[in-house]
All heavy atoms as atom14 arrays in JSON, in Angstrom:
{
  "sequence": "VQATAEATQHARPKAAKCPTLTVSEGWYGKNRARLQ",
  "atom14_mask": [
    [1, 1, 1, 1, 1, 1, 1, 0, 0, 0, 0, 0, 0, 0],
    [1, 1, 1, 1, 1, 1, 1, 1, 1, 0, 0, 0, 0, 0],
    [1, 1, 1, 1, 1, 0, 0, 0, 0, 0, 0, 0, 0, 0],
    [1, 1, 1, 1, 1, 1, 1, 0, 0, 0, 0, 0, 0, 0],
    [1, 1, 1, 1, 1, 0, 0, 0, 0, 0, 0, 0, 0, 0],
    [1, 1, 1, 1, 1, 1, 1, 1, 1, 0, 0, 0, 0, 0],
    [1, 1, 1, 1, 1, 0, 0, 0, 0, 0, 0, 0, 0, 0],
    [1, 1, 1, 1, 1, 1, 1, 0, 0, 0, 0, 0, 0, 0],
    [1, 1, 1, 1, 1, 1, 1, 1, 1, 0, 0, 0, 0, 0],
    [1, 1, 1, 1, 1, 1, 1, 1, 1, 1, 0, 0, 0, 0],
    [1, 1, 1, 1, 1, 0, 0, 0, 0, 0, 0, 0, 0, 0],
    [1, 1, 1, 1, 1, 1, 1, 1, 1, 1, 1, 0, 0, 0],
    [1, 1, 1, 1, 1, 1, 1, 0, 0, 0, 0, 0, 0, 0],
    [1, 1, 1, 1, 1, 1, 1, 1, 1, 0, 0, 0, 0, 0],
    [1, 1, 1, 1, 1, 0, 0, 0, 0, 0, 0, 0, 0, 0],
    [1, 1, 1, 1, 1, 0, 0, 0, 0, 0, 0, 0, 0, 0],
    [1, 1, 1, 1, 1, 1, 1, 1, 1, 0, 0, 0, 0, 0],
    [1, 1, 1, 1, 1, 1, 0, 0, 0, 0, 0, 0, 0, 0],
    [1, 1, 1, 1, 1, 1, 1, 0, 0, 0, 0, 0, 0, 0],
    [1, 1, 1, 1, 1, 1, 1, 0, 0, 0, 0, 0, 0, 0],
    [1, 1, 1, 1, 1, 1, 1, 1, 0, 0, 0, 0, 0, 0],
    [1, 1, 1, 1, 1, 1, 1, 0, 0, 0, 0, 0, 0, 0],
    [1, 1, 1, 1, 1, 1, 1, 0, 0, 0, 0, 0, 0, 0],
    [1, 1, 1, 1, 1, 1, 0, 0, 0, 0, 0, 0, 0, 0],
    [1, 1, 1, 1, 1, 1, 1, 1, 1, 0, 0, 0, 0, 0],
    [1, 1, 1, 1, 0, 0, 0, 0, 0, 0, 0, 0, 0, 0],
    [1, 1, 1, 1, 1, 1, 1, 1, 1, 1, 1, 1, 1, 1],
    [1, 1, 1, 1, 1, 1, 1, 1, 1, 1, 1, 1, 0, 0],
    [1, 1, 1, 1, 0, 0, 0, 0, 0, 0, 0, 0, 0, 0],
    [1, 1, 1, 1, 1, 1, 1, 1, 1, 0, 0, 0, 0, 0],
    [1, 1, 1, 1, 1, 1, 1, 1, 0, 0, 0, 0, 0, 0],
    [1, 1, 1, 1, 1, 1, 1, 1, 1, 1, 1, 0, 0, 0],
    [1, 1, 1, 1, 1, 0, 0, 0, 0, 0, 0, 0, 0, 0],
    [1, 1, 1, 1, 1, 1, 1, 1, 1, 1, 1, 0, 0, 0],
    [1, 1, 1, 1, 1, 1, 1, 1, 0, 0, 0, 0, 0, 0],
    [1, 1, 1, 1, 1, 1, 1, 1, 1, 0, 0, 0, 0, 0]
  ],
  "atom14_positions": [
    [[-12.57, 9.07, -1.76], [-11.53, 8.62, -0.84], [-10.39, 7.94, -1.58], [-9.22, 8.22, -1.35], [-12.14, 7.64, 0.2], [-11.04, 6.96, 0.99], [-13.06, 8.41, 1.13], [0.0, 0.0, 0.0], [0.0, 0.0, 0.0], [0.0, 0.0, 0.0], [0.0, 0.0, 0.0], [0.0, 0.0, 0.0], [0.0, 0.0, 0.0], [0.0, 0.0, 0.0]],
    [[-10.73, 7.06, -2.52], [-9.67, 6.35, -3.23], [-8.87, 7.31, -4.09], [-7.65, 7.22, -4.18], [-10.27, 5.23, -4.1], [-9.23, 4.37, -4.81], [-8.43, 3.54, -3.83], [-8.85, 3.38, -2.69], [-7.29, 3.05, -4.26], [0.0, 0.0, 0.0], [0.0, 0.0, 0.0], [0.0, 0.0, 0.0], [0.0, 0.0, 0.0], [0.0, 0.0, 0.0]],
    [[-9.54, 8.25, -4.75], [-8.82, 9.21, -5.57], [-7.84, 10.01, -4.74], [-6.7, 10.27, -5.15], [-9.82, 10.15, -6.27], [0.0, 0.0, 0.0], [0.0, 0.0, 0.0], [0.0, 0.0, 0.0], [0.0, 0.0, 0.0], [0.0, 0.0, 0.0], [0.0, 0.0, 0.0], [0.0, 0.0, 0.0], [0.0, 0.0, 0.0], [0.0, 0.0, 0.0]],
    [[-8.28, 10.41, -3.55], [-7.4, 11.15, -2.66], [-6.21, 10.31, -2.23], [-5.06, 10.77, -2.22], [-8.17, 11.62, -1.41], [-9.25, 12.45, -1.84], [-7.27, 12.38, -0.47], [0.0, 0.0, 0.0], [0.0, 0.0, 0.0], [0.0, 0.0, 0.0], [0.0, 0.0, 0.0], [0.0, 0.0, 0.0], [0.0, 0.0, 0.0], [0.0, 0.0, 0.0]],
    [[-6.48, 9.07, -1.89], [-5.42, 8.17, -1.46], [-4.37, 7.97, -2.54], [-3.18, 7.89, -2.28], [-6.0, 6.82, -1.03], [0.0, 0.0, 0.0], [0.0, 0.0, 0.0], [0.0, 0.0, 0.0], [0.0, 0.0, 0.0], [0.0, 0.0, 0.0], [0.0, 0.0, 0.0], [0.0, 0.0, 0.0], [0.0, 0.0, 0.0], [0.0, 0.0, 0.0]],
    [[-4.83, 7.87, -3.82], [-3.9, 7.63, -4.91], [-3.12, 8.89, -5.26], [-2.01, 8.84, -5.77], [-4.67, 7.14, -6.15], [-5.32, 5.79, -5.97], [-4.3, 4.69, -5.82], [-3.13, 4.9, -6.18], [-4.67, 3.61, -5.34], [0.0, 0.0, 0.0], [0.0, 0.0, 0.0], [0.0, 0.0, 0.0], [0.0, 0.0, 0.0], [0.0, 0.0, 0.0]],
    [[-3.72, 10.05, -5.02], [-3.11, 11.29, -5.48], [-2.13, 11.88, -4.47], [-1.34, 12.75, -4.79], [-4.2, 12.32, -5.77], [0.0, 0.0, 0.0], [0.0, 0.0, 0.0], [0.0, 0.0, 0.0], [0.0, 0.0, 0.0], [0.0, 0.0, 0.0], [0.0, 0.0, 0.0], [0.0, 0.0, 0.0], [0.0, 0.0, 0.0], [0.0, 0.0, 0.0]],
    [[-2.16, 11.44, -3.24], [-1.32, 12.01, -2.2], [-0.3, 11.01, -1.71], [-0.42, 9.81, -1.93], [-2.17, 12.48, -1.01], [-2.87, 11.37, -0.48], [-3.19, 13.54, -1.46], [0.0, 0.0, 0.0], [0.0, 0.0, 0.0], [0.0, 0.0, 0.0], [0.0, 0.0, 0.0], [0.0, 0.0, 0.0], [0.0, 0.0, 0.0], [0.0, 0.0, 0.0]],
    [[0.72, 11.51, -1.03], [1.73, 10.62, -0.46], [1.08, 9.73, 0.59], [0.37, 10.2, 1.46], [2.83, 11.46, 0.2], [3.93, 10.64, 0.83], [4.75, 9.9, -0.2], [4.89, 10.39, -1.31], [5.27, 8.75, 0.15], [0.0, 0.0, 0.0], [0.0, 0.0, 0.0], [0.0, 0.0, 0.0], [0.0, 0.0, 0.0], [0.0, 0.0, 0.0]],
    [[1.33, 8.43, 0.47], [0.68, 7.47, 1.36], [1.47, 7.31, 2.65], [2.66, 7.05, 2.63], [0.55, 6.12, 0.66], [0.01, 5.04, 1.54], [-1.24, 5.1, 2.09], [0.57, 3.88, 1.97], [-1.45, 4.02, 2.82], [-0.38, 3.27, 2.75], [0.0, 0.0, 0.0], [0.0, 0.0, 0.0], [0.0, 0.0, 0.0], [0.0, 0.0, 0.0]],
    [[0.79, 7.48, 3.75], [1.39, 7.24, 5.06], [0.62, 6.12, 5.73], [-0.58, 6.23, 5.94], [1.32, 8.51, 5.92], [0.0, 0.0, 0.0], [0.0, 0.0, 0.0], [0.0, 0.0, 0.0], [0.0, 0.0, 0.0], [0.0, 0.0, 0.0], [0.0, 0.0, 0.0], [0.0, 0.0, 0.0], [0.0, 0.0, 0.0], [0.0, 0.0, 0.0]],
    [[1.3, 5.02, 6.04], [0.62, 3.87, 6.64], [0.14, 4.2, 8.03], [0.77, 4.94, 8.76], [1.55, 2.66, 6.69], [1.95, 2.15, 5.31], [2.3, 0.7, 5.38], [1.13, -0.09, 5.74], [1.2, -1.26, 6.37], [2.34, -1.75, 6.75], [0.09, -1.93, 6.65], [0.0, 0.0, 0.0], [0.0, 0.0, 0.0], [0.0, 0.0, 0.0]],
    [[-1.01, 3.62, 8.43], [-1.5, 3.83, 9.8], [-0.46, 3.38, 10.82], [0.34, 2.49, 10.56], [-2.75, 2.94, 9.85], [-3.17, 2.78, 8.43], [-1.9, 2.78, 7.63], [0.0, 0.0, 0.0], [0.0, 0.0, 0.0], [0.0, 0.0, 0.0], [0.0, 0.0, 0.0], [0.0, 0.0, 0.0], [0.0, 0.0, 0.0], [0.0, 0.0, 0.0]],
    [[-0.5, 4.0, 11.97], [0.5, 3.71, 12.99], [0.11, 2.56, 13.91], [0.88, 2.19, 14.79], [0.74, 4.97, 13.83], [1.36, 6.12, 13.02], [1.61, 7.33, 13.89], [2.25, 8.45, 13.09], [2.5, 9.66, 13.93], [0.0, 0.0, 0.0], [0.0, 0.0, 0.0], [0.0, 0.0, 0.0], [0.0, 0.0, 0.0], [0.0, 0.0, 0.0]],
    [[-1.09, 2.02, 13.73], [-1.51, 0.92, 14.6], [-0.52, -0.24, 14.5], [0.04, -0.51, 13.45], [-2.91, 0.46, 14.19], [0.0, 0.0, 0.0], [0.0, 0.0, 0.0], [0.0, 0.0, 0.0], [0.0, 0.0, 0.0], [0.0, 0.0, 0.0], [0.0, 0.0, 0.0], [0.0, 0.0, 0.0], [0.0, 0.0, 0.0], [0.0, 0.0, 0.0]],
    [[-0.33, -0.91, 15.6], [0.75, -1.9, 15.69], [0.48, -3.15, 14.85], [1.42, -3.82, 14.45], [0.95, -2.29, 17.14], [0.0, 0.0, 0.0], [0.0, 0.0, 0.0], [0.0, 0.0, 0.0], [0.0, 0.0, 0.0], [0.0, 0.0, 0.0], [0.0, 0.0, 0.0], [0.0, 0.0, 0.0], [0.0, 0.0, 0.0], [0.0, 0.0, 0.0]],
    [[-0.77, -3.49, 14.59], [-1.08, -4.75, 13.95], [-1.72, -4.57, 12.58], [-2.59, -5.34, 12.19], [-1.98, -5.58, 14.86], [-1.32, -5.98, 16.18], [-2.23, -6.87, 17.01], [-1.55, -7.28, 18.3], [-2.43, -8.15, 19.14], [0.0, 0.0, 0.0], [0.0, 0.0, 0.0], [0.0, 0.0, 0.0], [0.0, 0.0, 0.0], [0.0, 0.0, 0.0]],
    [[-1.3, -3.58, 11.83], [-1.82, -3.4, 10.48], [-1.25, -4.48, 9.57], [-0.03, -4.61, 9.45], [-1.43, -2.02, 9.95], [-2.24, -0.68, 10.84], [0.0, 0.0, 0.0], [0.0, 0.0, 0.0], [0.0, 0.0, 0.0], [0.0, 0.0, 0.0], [0.0, 0.0, 0.0], [0.0, 0.0, 0.0], [0.0, 0.0, 0.0], [0.0, 0.0, 0.0]],
    [[-2.1, -5.3, 8.94], [-1.6, -6.41, 8.11], [-0.82, -5.89, 6.9], [-1.18, -4.88, 6.29], [-2.89, -7.12, 7.67], [-3.92, -6.69, 8.66], [-3.56, -5.29, 9.04], [0.0, 0.0, 0.0], [0.0, 0.0, 0.0], [0.0, 0.0, 0.0], [0.0, 0.0, 0.0], [0.0, 0.0, 0.0], [0.0, 0.0, 0.0], [0.0, 0.0, 0.0]],
    [[0.24, -6.6, 6.55], [1.13, -6.18, 5.47], [1.39, -7.33, 4.51], [1.62, -8.46, 4.94], [2.48, -5.7, 6.06], [2.25, -4.64, 6.98], [3.41, -5.22, 4.95], [0.0, 0.0, 0.0], [0.0, 0.0, 0.0], [0.0, 0.0, 0.0], [0.0, 0.0, 0.0], [0.0, 0.0, 0.0], [0.0, 0.0, 0.0], [0.0, 0.0, 0.0]],
    [[1.35, -7.04, 3.22], [1.73, -8.02, 2.21], [3.2, -8.39, 2.4], [4.05, -7.52, 2.63], [1.52, -7.45, 0.81], [0.07, -7.16, 0.41], [0.02, -6.33, -0.87], [-0.72, -8.45, 0.24], [0.0, 0.0, 0.0], [0.0, 0.0, 0.0], [0.0, 0.0, 0.0], [0.0, 0.0, 0.0], [0.0, 0.0, 0.0], [0.0, 0.0, 0.0]],
    [[3.5, -9.67, 2.31], [4.86, -10.13, 2.59], [5.59, -10.64, 1.35], [6.81, -10.75, 1.36], [4.85, -11.25, 3.65], [4.08, -12.34, 3.18], [4.29, -10.73, 4.96], [0.0, 0.0, 0.0], [0.0, 0.0, 0.0], [0.0, 0.0, 0.0], [0.0, 0.0, 0.0], [0.0, 0.0, 0.0], [0.0, 0.0, 0.0], [0.0, 0.0, 0.0]],
    [[4.86, -10.99, 0.3], [5.49, -11.5, -0.92], [5.68, -10.35, -1.9], [4.7, -9.72, -2.32], [4.63, -12.62, -1.56], [5.27, -13.09, -2.87], [4.47, -13.78, -0.6], [0.0, 0.0, 0.0], [0.0, 0.0, 0.0], [0.0, 0.0, 0.0], [0.0, 0.0, 0.0], [0.0, 0.0, 0.0], [0.0, 0.0, 0.0], [0.0, 0.0, 0.0]],
    [[6.89, -10.07, -2.27], [7.16, -8.97, -3.18], [7.48, -9.43, -4.6], [7.2, -8.72, -5.57], [8.33, -8.12, -2.66], [9.49, -8.92, -2.48], [0.0, 0.0, 0.0], [0.0, 0.0, 0.0], [0.0, 0.0, 0.0], [0.0, 0.0, 0.0], [0.0, 0.0, 0.0], [0.0, 0.0, 0.0], [0.0, 0.0, 0.0], [0.0, 0.0, 0.0]],
    [[8.06, -10.62, -4.74], [8.43, -11.13, -6.07], [7.19, -11.33, -6.93], [6.16, -11.82, -6.46], [9.18, -12.46, -5.92], [9.66, -13.04, -7.23], [10.38, -14.35, -7.05], [10.53, -14.79, -5.89], [10.8, -14.95, -8.06], [0.0, 0.0, 0.0], [0.0, 0.0, 0.0], [0.0, 0.0, 0.0], [0.0, 0.0, 0.0], [0.0, 0.0, 0.0]],
    [[7.29, -10.97, -8.18], [6.22, -11.23, -9.14], [5.27, -10.08, -9.37], [4.53, -10.08, -10.35], [0.0, 0.0, 0.0], [0.0, 0.0, 0.0], [0.0, 0.0, 0.0], [0.0, 0.0, 0.0], [0.0, 0.0, 0.0], [0.0, 0.0, 0.0], [0.0, 0.0, 0.0], [0.0, 0.0, 0.0], [0.0, 0.0, 0.0], [0.0, 0.0, 0.0]],
    [[5.28, -9.09, -8.5], [4.39, -7.94, -8.68], [5.01, -6.94, -9.66], [6.2, -6.64, -9.58], [4.11, -7.26, -7.35], [3.22, -8.06, -6.45], [3.57, -8.68, -5.29], [1.83, -8.32, -6.64], [2.48, -9.32, -4.74], [1.41, -9.12, -5.54], [0.9, -7.98, -7.62], [0.09, -9.57, -5.41], [-0.42, -8.42, -7.49], [-0.8, -9.21, -6.4]],
    [[4.21, -6.41, -10.55], [4.68, -5.48, -11.57], [4.57, -4.04, -11.07], [3.54, -3.64, -10.49], [3.83, -5.64, -12.84], [4.17, -4.68, -13.95], [5.21, -4.96, -14.83], [3.46, -3.49, -14.1], [5.52, -4.09, -15.85], [3.76, -2.61, -15.12], [4.81, -2.91, -15.99], [5.11, -2.03, -16.99], [0.0, 0.0, 0.0], [0.0, 0.0, 0.0]],
    [[5.61, -3.26, -11.33], [5.57, -1.83, -11.06], [5.14, -1.52, -9.64], [5.71, -2.03, -8.67], [0.0, 0.0, 0.0], [0.0, 0.0, 0.0], [0.0, 0.0, 0.0], [0.0, 0.0, 0.0], [0.0, 0.0, 0.0], [0.0, 0.0, 0.0], [0.0, 0.0, 0.0], [0.0, 0.0, 0.0], [0.0, 0.0, 0.0], [0.0, 0.0, 0.0]],
    [[4.12, -0.67, -9.52], [3.63, -0.23, -8.22], [2.4, -1.01, -7.75], [1.72, -0.59, -6.81], [3.3, 1.26, -8.28], [4.5, 2.16, -8.57], [4.1, 3.63, -8.6], [5.31, 4.51, -8.88], [4.94, 5.96, -8.93], [0.0, 0.0, 0.0], [0.0, 0.0, 0.0], [0.0, 0.0, 0.0], [0.0, 0.0, 0.0], [0.0, 0.0, 0.0]],
    [[2.12, -2.14, -8.39], [0.89, -2.88, -8.07], [0.83, -3.28, -6.6], [-0.21, -3.13, -5.94], [0.77, -4.11, -8.95], [0.41, -3.77, -10.38], [0.07, -2.62, -10.69], [0.49, -4.74, -11.27], [0.0, 0.0, 0.0], [0.0, 0.0, 0.0], [0.0, 0.0, 0.0], [0.0, 0.0, 0.0], [0.0, 0.0, 0.0], [0.0, 0.0, 0.0]],
    [[1.92, -3.84, -6.08], [1.9, -4.27, -4.68], [1.68, -3.09, -3.75], [0.91, -3.18, -2.78], [3.21, -4.98, -4.34], [3.31, -5.47, -2.9], [4.59, -6.3, -2.71], [4.77, -6.71, -1.33], [5.43, -6.02, -0.41], [5.97, -4.83, -0.73], [5.57, -6.49, 0.82], [0.0, 0.0, 0.0], [0.0, 0.0, 0.0], [0.0, 0.0, 0.0]],
    [[2.33, -1.97, -4.03], [2.18, -0.79, -3.19], [0.76, -0.25, -3.23], [0.21, 0.17, -2.2], [3.16, 0.29, -3.64], [0.0, 0.0, 0.0], [0.0, 0.0, 0.0], [0.0, 0.0, 0.0], [0.0, 0.0, 0.0], [0.0, 0.0, 0.0], [0.0, 0.0, 0.0], [0.0, 0.0, 0.0], [0.0, 0.0, 0.0], [0.0, 0.0, 0.0]],
    [[0.14, -0.3, -4.39], [-1.24, 0.2, -4.5], [-2.22, -0.74, -3.79], [-3.19, -0.29, -3.19], [-1.61, 0.39, -5.96], [-0.84, 1.52, -6.64], [-1.37, 1.79, -8.02], [-2.73, 2.33, -7.97], [-3.48, 2.51, -9.05], [-3.03, 2.16, -10.25], [-4.71, 3.0, -8.93], [0.0, 0.0, 0.0], [0.0, 0.0, 0.0], [0.0, 0.0, 0.0]],
    [[-1.95, -2.04, -3.87], [-2.79, -2.98, -3.13], [-2.65, -2.76, -1.62], [-3.65, -2.76, -0.89], [-2.41, -4.41, -3.49], [-2.82, -4.88, -4.89], [-2.1, -6.17, -5.25], [-4.33, -5.06, -4.98], [0.0, 0.0, 0.0], [0.0, 0.0, 0.0], [0.0, 0.0, 0.0], [0.0, 0.0, 0.0], [0.0, 0.0, 0.0], [0.0, 0.0, 0.0]],
    [[-1.43, -2.55, -1.16], [-1.22, -2.28, 0.26], [-1.94, -1.01, 0.68], [-2.54, -0.94, 1.76], [0.27, -2.16, 0.56], [0.59, -2.03, 2.04], [0.21, -3.27, 2.83], [0.75, -4.35, 2.59], [-0.72, -3.13, 3.76], [0.0, 0.0, 0.0], [0.0, 0.0, 0.0], [0.0, 0.0, 0.0], [0.0, 0.0, 0.0], [0.0, 0.0, 0.0]]
  ]
}
């Protein structure tokens, strides 16, 4: 599952209350996006 998620274009779930990271400063490269 994780390999598939990393290898394909990520589309966030459409549910209204999906938690989202709010702090962007300090993250290197794509780290924040991969954590999300």
